[in-house]
Amino acid sequence: MAHDASHTNESKSNSAVKRIWTVFIILSVVTIVEVVLGIFRPEFLEDTYLARMKLLNWIFIILTVYKAYYITWAFMHMEHETKGLRRSVVWTAVFLIAYLVFILLTEGDYIHDVYANGFQNWDF
C-alpha cells in the first residue's frame, strides 16, 4: 500500500516538473520572438499600417496580452478553476488592457498630431 502512495507522489511530481518546463518554454519562445522582432524590426512590418499603427506594434501588443493571459492561466492556476471564475478574471483583464491600449493610442495619436501640425480641433 505504501508503495502505491509513493508511486502516485512521484507521478504528481513528474507532472508538476513537466508543467513548469512547458510554461517556461512557451513564455521563453514568445519573449524570444518579441526580442528578435524588436532588434531586427522587419521592414514589411514597419511599413504596413493597421488602424493608423504599424503592424509590428500590433504584434507586440498581441504577444504581450498573450503572455499576460498565459501567466494568469499558469501561475494563478486558472486552468483548475470553474469556467465562470476563469472568464470573470481573464476576460475582465483582457477588456481592461484592450481599453487602456485604445485610450493610450487615441490620445497619443492626437498629441503626436498636435506636436507635428500645431493645435487641432476634433470634429465630432
Protein backbone atom coordinates (compact mmCIF):
# COMPACT_ATOMS: atom_id res chain seq x y z
CA MET A 1 0.00 0.00 0.00
CA ALA A 2 2.81 2.42 0.88
CA HIS A 3 4.48 1.57 -2.41
CA ASP A 4 1.39 2.75 -4.33
CA ALA A 5 1.32 6.08 -2.46
CA SER A 6 4.95 6.83 -3.23
CA HIS A 7 4.39 5.97 -6.90
CA THR A 8 1.45 8.42 -7.02
CA ASN A 9 3.55 11.17 -5.44
CA GLU A 10 6.33 10.58 -7.98
CA SER A 11 3.89 10.85 -10.90
CA LYS A 12 2.45 14.08 -9.45
CA SER A 13 5.97 15.42 -9.03
CA ASN A 14 6.90 14.49 -12.61
CA SER A 15 3.70 16.08 -13.87
CA ALA A 16 4.49 19.31 -11.97
CA VAL A 17 8.02 19.41 -13.35
CA LYS A 18 6.70 18.82 -16.87
CA ARG A 19 4.17 21.63 -16.40
CA ILE A 20 6.86 24.05 -15.17
CA TRP A 21 9.06 23.30 -18.18
CA THR A 22 6.12 23.69 -20.56
CA VAL A 23 5.25 27.11 -19.12
CA PHE A 24 8.93 28.12 -19.20
CA ILE A 25 9.33 27.09 -22.85
CA ILE A 26 6.13 28.79 -24.04
CA LEU A 27 6.92 32.07 -22.27
CA SER A 28 10.54 31.91 -23.43
CA VAL A 29 9.55 31.40 -27.08
CA VAL A 30 7.12 34.32 -27.01
CA THR A 31 9.74 36.54 -25.33
CA ILE A 32 12.43 35.50 -27.82
CA VAL A 33 10.08 36.31 -30.72
CA GLU A 34 9.44 39.75 -29.20
CA VAL A 35 13.15 40.42 -28.71
CA VAL A 36 14.07 39.26 -32.22
CA LEU A 37 11.32 41.42 -33.76
CA GLY A 38 12.45 44.35 -31.62
CA ILE A 39 16.08 44.00 -32.68
CA PHE A 40 15.62 43.32 -36.40
CA ARG A 41 12.37 45.29 -36.94
CA PRO A 42 11.41 43.74 -40.31
CA GLU A 43 10.76 46.41 -42.92
CA PHE A 44 7.47 44.92 -44.15
CA LEU A 45 6.10 45.07 -40.59
CA GLU A 46 7.35 48.65 -40.19
CA ASP A 47 5.78 49.80 -43.47
CA THR A 48 2.40 48.09 -43.04
CA TYR A 49 -0.22 50.04 -41.10
CA LEU A 50 -3.37 48.73 -39.48
CA ALA A 51 -5.71 51.25 -37.81
CA ARG A 52 -3.07 54.01 -38.07
CA MET A 53 -0.47 51.94 -36.22
CA LYS A 54 2.42 49.86 -37.50
CA LEU A 55 1.74 46.16 -37.79
CA LEU A 56 4.87 45.50 -35.72
CA ASN A 57 3.36 47.43 -32.80
CA TRP A 58 0.15 45.39 -33.07
CA ILE A 59 2.21 42.20 -32.93
CA PHE A 60 3.98 43.43 -29.77
CA ILE A 61 0.64 44.29 -28.13
CA ILE A 62 -0.91 40.94 -29.04
CA LEU A 63 2.12 38.96 -27.81
CA THR A 64 2.20 40.93 -24.56
CA VAL A 65 -1.51 40.34 -23.92
CA TYR A 66 -0.98 36.64 -24.70
CA LYS A 67 1.86 36.44 -22.19
CA ALA A 68 -0.24 38.19 -19.54
CA TYR A 69 -3.09 35.76 -20.21
CA TYR A 70 -0.80 32.73 -20.06
CA ILE A 71 0.89 33.92 -16.87
CA THR A 72 -2.54 34.34 -15.28
CA TRP A 73 -3.58 30.92 -16.57
CA ALA A 74 -0.47 29.12 -15.32
CA PHE A 75 0.68 30.93 -12.18
CA MET A 76 -2.75 31.76 -10.77
CA HIS A 77 -3.80 28.15 -11.53
CA MET A 78 -6.83 29.25 -13.54
CA GLU A 79 -6.89 26.03 -15.57
CA HIS A 80 -8.19 24.21 -12.49
CA GLU A 81 -10.96 26.71 -11.69
CA THR A 82 -14.57 26.78 -12.85
CA LYS A 83 -15.40 28.26 -16.22
CA GLY A 84 -17.23 31.24 -14.69
CA LEU A 85 -14.32 32.24 -12.45
CA ARG A 86 -11.82 31.86 -15.29
CA ARG A 87 -13.88 34.04 -17.57
CA SER A 88 -14.51 36.70 -14.95
CA VAL A 89 -10.80 37.05 -14.16
CA VAL A 90 -9.32 36.65 -17.63
CA TRP A 91 -11.92 38.49 -19.72
CA THR A 92 -12.01 41.41 -17.30
CA ALA A 93 -8.24 41.76 -17.59
CA VAL A 94 -8.33 41.40 -21.39
CA PHE A 95 -11.08 44.01 -21.67
CA LEU A 96 -9.25 46.48 -19.41
CA ILE A 97 -5.97 46.00 -21.28
CA ALA A 98 -7.71 46.50 -24.63
CA TYR A 99 -9.46 49.61 -23.33
CA LEU A 100 -6.20 51.02 -21.96
CA VAL A 101 -4.42 50.37 -25.28
CA PHE A 102 -7.26 52.09 -27.16
CA ILE A 103 -7.17 55.14 -24.90
CA LEU A 104 -3.37 55.41 -25.00
CA LEU A 105 -3.23 55.06 -28.78
CA THR A 106 -6.05 57.53 -29.37
CA GLU A 107 -4.64 60.17 -27.05
CA GLY A 108 -1.07 59.52 -28.14
CA ASP A 109 -2.03 59.93 -31.80
CA TYR A 110 -3.74 63.23 -31.01
CA ILE A 111 -0.73 64.52 -29.03
CA HIS A 112 1.57 63.48 -31.89
CA ASP A 113 -0.59 65.39 -34.36
CA VAL A 114 -0.57 68.47 -32.10
CA TYR A 115 3.23 68.43 -31.88
CA ALA A 116 3.66 67.73 -35.59
CA ASN A 117 0.98 70.08 -37.02
CA GLY A 118 0.09 72.52 -34.26
CA PHE A 119 -3.23 72.77 -32.46
CA GLN A 120 -6.09 70.76 -33.95
CA ASN A 121 -9.76 70.57 -33.08
CA TRP A 122 -11.50 67.26 -33.23
CA ASP A 123 -14.66 67.36 -35.31
CA PHE A 124 -17.22 65.17 -33.64
